[in-house]
Amino acid sequence: QVLLVDSGGGLVQPGGSLRLSCAASGRTSSGYTVGWFRQAPGKEREFVAAISWSGGNTDYADSVKGRFTISRDNAKNTVHLQMNNLKPEDTAVYHCAASGGVWGRHPDLYAYWGQGTQVTVSS
């Protein structure tokens, strides 16, 4: 069992930055992939970014590539999502999720989910 707590959301103006964090506890000694997903009102949950256990592999949705950076600190069991040049269309609830070492973008691959943190980009 892995417990995830995500944080760092807030209200920011277009062009601004936020840094989301995902803190893991429980069976974190097992290698797992961590992904970030987001869901806007009336829309399906969509993949944002993922990072492998070693941090050597990362993947980004085309809509955030070049603006968002995912990183992890396994010593602290924490994954971060640095979001720069935010746009109104980035507004959503962001969730981190962990898979049992499986790599991919589909939400069904991820067994553990954080509670979500709201990101609102508005002037």
C-alpha atoms as a PDB file:
ATOM      1  CA  GLN A   1       0.000   0.000   0.000  1.00  0.00           C
ATOM      2  CA  VAL A   2       1.260   3.463  -0.921  1.00  0.00           C
ATOM      3  CA  LEU A   3      -0.305   6.643   0.471  1.00  0.00           C
ATOM      4  CA  LEU A   4       0.070   9.800  -1.624  1.00  0.00           C
ATOM      5  CA  VAL A   5      -0.518  13.362  -0.503  1.00  0.00           C
ATOM      6  CA  ASP A   6      -0.348  16.044  -3.166  1.00  0.00           C
ATOM      7  CA  SER A   7      -0.060  19.757  -2.489  1.00  0.00           C
ATOM      8  CA  GLY A   8       1.086  23.083  -3.899  1.00  0.00           C
ATOM      9  CA  GLY A   9      -1.899  24.171  -5.925  1.00  0.00           C
ATOM     10  CA  GLY A  10      -3.313  27.668  -5.910  1.00  0.00           C
ATOM     11  CA  LEU A  11      -4.399  30.667  -7.923  1.00  0.00           C
ATOM     12  CA  VAL A  12      -1.865  32.123 -10.321  1.00  0.00           C
ATOM     13  CA  GLN A  13      -1.958  34.604 -13.181  1.00  0.00           C
ATOM     14  CA  PRO A  14      -1.289  33.507 -16.764  1.00  0.00           C
ATOM     15  CA  GLY A  15       2.443  33.213 -17.306  1.00  0.00           C
ATOM     16  CA  GLY A  16       3.050  32.430 -13.660  1.00  0.00           C
ATOM     17  CA  SER A  17       4.526  29.342 -12.015  1.00  0.00           C
ATOM     18  CA  LEU A  18       3.564  26.785  -9.411  1.00  0.00           C
ATOM     19  CA  ARG A  19       5.339  23.785  -7.960  1.00  0.00           C
ATOM     20  CA  LEU A  20       3.255  20.779  -7.027  1.00  0.00           C
ATOM     21  CA  SER A  21       4.523  18.148  -4.618  1.00  0.00           C
ATOM     22  CA  CYS A  22       3.539  14.530  -4.084  1.00  0.00           C
ATOM     23  CA  ALA A  23       4.656  12.949  -0.814  1.00  0.00           C
ATOM     24  CA  ALA A  24       4.567   9.167  -0.602  1.00  0.00           C
ATOM     25  CA  SER A  25       4.456   6.921   2.443  1.00  0.00           C
ATOM     26  CA  GLY A  26       3.892   3.231   3.026  1.00  0.00           C
ATOM     27  CA  ARG A  27       5.568   0.612   0.839  1.00  0.00           C
ATOM     28  CA  THR A  28       7.782   3.131  -0.876  1.00  0.00           C
ATOM     29  CA  SER A  29      10.736   0.758  -0.924  1.00  0.00           C
ATOM     30  CA  SER A  30       9.222  -0.883  -3.994  1.00  0.00           C
ATOM     31  CA  GLY A  31      10.052   0.764  -7.281  1.00  0.00           C
ATOM     32  CA  TYR A  32       7.095   2.623  -8.701  1.00  0.00           C
ATOM     33  CA  THR A  33       6.345   5.027 -11.483  1.00  0.00           C
ATOM     34  CA  VAL A  34       4.719   8.320 -10.491  1.00  0.00           C
ATOM     35  CA  GLY A  35       2.433  10.223 -12.790  1.00  0.00           C
ATOM     36  CA  TRP A  36       0.560  13.494 -12.649  1.00  0.00           C
ATOM     37  CA  PHE A  37      -2.928  13.729 -14.061  1.00  0.00           C
ATOM     38  CA  ARG A  38      -5.423  16.560 -14.203  1.00  0.00           C
ATOM     39  CA  GLN A  39      -9.155  16.893 -14.554  1.00  0.00           C
ATOM     40  CA  ALA A  40     -11.000  20.048 -15.462  1.00  0.00           C
ATOM     41  CA  PRO A  41     -14.753  20.453 -14.855  1.00  0.00           C
ATOM     42  CA  GLY A  42     -16.750  18.558 -17.440  1.00  0.00           C
ATOM     43  CA  LYS A  43     -13.665  16.915 -18.924  1.00  0.00           C
ATOM     44  CA  GLU A  44     -12.052  13.512 -18.613  1.00  0.00           C
ATOM     45  CA  ARG A  45      -8.962  12.958 -16.530  1.00  0.00           C
ATOM     46  CA  GLU A  46      -5.879  13.470 -18.677  1.00  0.00           C
ATOM     47  CA  PHE A  47      -2.252  12.504 -18.405  1.00  0.00           C
ATOM     48  CA  VAL A  48       0.215  15.302 -17.695  1.00  0.00           C
ATOM     49  CA  ALA A  49       3.617  13.771 -16.913  1.00  0.00           C
ATOM     50  CA  ALA A  50       5.298  10.660 -15.528  1.00  0.00           C
ATOM     51  CA  ILE A  51       8.672   9.723 -14.083  1.00  0.00           C
ATOM     52  CA  SER A  52      10.235   6.314 -13.575  1.00  0.00           C
ATOM     53  CA  TRP A  53      11.554   5.015 -10.260  1.00  0.00           C
ATOM     54  CA  SER A  54      15.137   5.916 -11.131  1.00  0.00           C
ATOM     55  CA  GLY A  55      14.148   9.246 -12.583  1.00  0.00           C
ATOM     56  CA  GLY A  56      15.897   8.301 -15.792  1.00  0.00           C
ATOM     57  CA  ASN A  57      12.721   8.188 -17.827  1.00  0.00           C
ATOM     58  CA  THR A  58      10.186  10.981 -18.098  1.00  0.00           C
ATOM     59  CA  ASP A  59       7.173  11.534 -20.308  1.00  0.00           C
ATOM     60  CA  TYR A  60       5.067  14.630 -20.922  1.00  0.00           C
ATOM     61  CA  ALA A  61       1.800  15.383 -22.623  1.00  0.00           C
ATOM     62  CA  ASP A  62       2.317  17.540 -25.700  1.00  0.00           C
ATOM     63  CA  SER A  63       0.248  20.315 -24.126  1.00  0.00           C
ATOM     64  CA  VAL A  64       2.753  20.798 -21.279  1.00  0.00           C
ATOM     65  CA  LYS A  65       6.034  19.829 -22.909  1.00  0.00           C
ATOM     66  CA  GLY A  66       8.611  22.573 -22.486  1.00  0.00           C
ATOM     67  CA  ARG A  67       6.637  24.241 -19.692  1.00  0.00           C
ATOM     68  CA  PHE A  68       6.351  21.537 -17.014  1.00  0.00           C
ATOM     69  CA  THR A  69       9.157  19.521 -15.431  1.00  0.00           C
ATOM     70  CA  ILE A  70       8.697  16.398 -13.315  1.00  0.00           C
ATOM     71  CA  SER A  71      11.385  15.328 -10.848  1.00  0.00           C
ATOM     72  CA  ARG A  72      11.723  13.031  -7.863  1.00  0.00           C
ATOM     73  CA  ASP A  73      13.755  12.716  -4.683  1.00  0.00           C
ATOM     74  CA  ASN A  74      13.571   9.083  -3.593  1.00  0.00           C
ATOM     75  CA  ALA A  75      15.435   9.805  -0.364  1.00  0.00           C
ATOM     76  CA  LYS A  76      12.506  12.019   0.622  1.00  0.00           C
ATOM     77  CA  ASN A  77       9.835   9.935  -1.169  1.00  0.00           C
ATOM     78  CA  THR A  78       8.713  13.052  -2.987  1.00  0.00           C
ATOM     79  CA  VAL A  79       7.884  13.885  -6.590  1.00  0.00           C
ATOM     80  CA  HIS A  80       7.576  17.452  -7.840  1.00  0.00           C
ATOM     81  CA  LEU A  81       5.884  18.993 -10.844  1.00  0.00           C
ATOM     82  CA  GLN A  82       7.315  22.400 -11.702  1.00  0.00           C
ATOM     83  CA  MET A  83       4.826  24.277 -13.849  1.00  0.00           C
ATOM     84  CA  ASN A  84       5.983  27.389 -15.682  1.00  0.00           C
ATOM     85  CA  ASN A  85       4.291  29.731 -18.134  1.00  0.00           C
ATOM     86  CA  LEU A  86       0.886  28.585 -16.928  1.00  0.00           C
ATOM     87  CA  LYS A  87      -2.112  29.130 -19.152  1.00  0.00           C
ATOM     88  CA  PRO A  88      -5.835  29.350 -18.339  1.00  0.00           C
ATOM     89  CA  GLU A  89      -6.325  25.962 -20.001  1.00  0.00           C
ATOM     90  CA  ASP A  90      -4.062  24.441 -17.333  1.00  0.00           C
ATOM     91  CA  THR A  91      -6.797  25.073 -14.769  1.00  0.00           C
ATOM     92  CA  ALA A  92      -7.798  21.743 -13.233  1.00  0.00           C
ATOM     93  CA  VAL A  93      -7.530  19.519 -10.193  1.00  0.00           C
ATOM     94  CA  TYR A  94      -4.122  17.848 -10.331  1.00  0.00           C
ATOM     95  CA  HIS A  95      -3.582  14.371  -8.891  1.00  0.00           C
ATOM     96  CA  CYS A  96      -0.386  12.436  -8.462  1.00  0.00           C
ATOM     97  CA  ALA A  97      -0.583   8.677  -8.866  1.00  0.00           C
ATOM     98  CA  ALA A  98       1.724   5.697  -8.430  1.00  0.00           C
ATOM     99  CA  SER A  99       1.920   2.457 -10.369  1.00  0.00           C
ATOM    100  CA  GLY A 100       3.614  -0.802  -9.433  1.00  0.00           C
ATOM    101  CA  GLY A 101       6.509  -0.177 -11.747  1.00  0.00           C
ATOM    102  CA  VAL A 102       4.307  -0.227 -14.838  1.00  0.00           C
ATOM    103  CA  TRP A 103       5.117   2.527 -17.336  1.00  0.00           C
ATOM    104  CA  GLY A 104       2.408   4.272 -19.286  1.00  0.00           C
ATOM    105  CA  ARG A 105      -0.078   7.113 -19.617  1.00  0.00           C
ATOM    106  CA  HIS A 106      -3.380   5.389 -18.973  1.00  0.00           C
ATOM    107  CA  PRO A 107      -4.914   6.138 -15.553  1.00  0.00           C
ATOM    108  CA  ASP A 108      -5.884   2.475 -15.119  1.00  0.00           C
ATOM    109  CA  LEU A 109      -2.169   1.606 -14.823  1.00  0.00           C
ATOM    110  CA  TYR A 110      -1.943   3.578 -11.592  1.00  0.00           C
ATOM    111  CA  ALA A 111      -3.197   1.891  -8.417  1.00  0.00           C
ATOM    112  CA  TYR A 112      -2.618   4.668  -5.891  1.00  0.00           C
ATOM    113  CA  TRP A 113      -3.883   8.245  -6.078  1.00  0.00           C
ATOM    114  CA  GLY A 114      -3.487  11.440  -4.147  1.00  0.00           C
ATOM    115  CA  GLN A 115      -6.510  13.475  -3.116  1.00  0.00           C
ATOM    116  CA  GLY A 116      -5.863  16.222  -5.644  1.00  0.00           C
ATOM    117  CA  THR A 117      -4.825  19.854  -5.515  1.00  0.00           C
ATOM    118  CA  GLN A 118      -6.610  22.682  -7.338  1.00  0.00           C
ATOM    119  CA  VAL A 119      -4.682  24.783  -9.843  1.00  0.00           C
ATOM    120  CA  THR A 120      -6.448  27.882 -11.152  1.00  0.00           C
ATOM    121  CA  VAL A 121      -4.854  30.092 -13.783  1.00  0.00           C
ATOM    122  CA  SER A 122      -6.727  33.347 -14.152  1.00  0.00           C
ATOM    123  CA  SER A 123      -6.139  37.071 -14.332  1.00  0.00           C
END
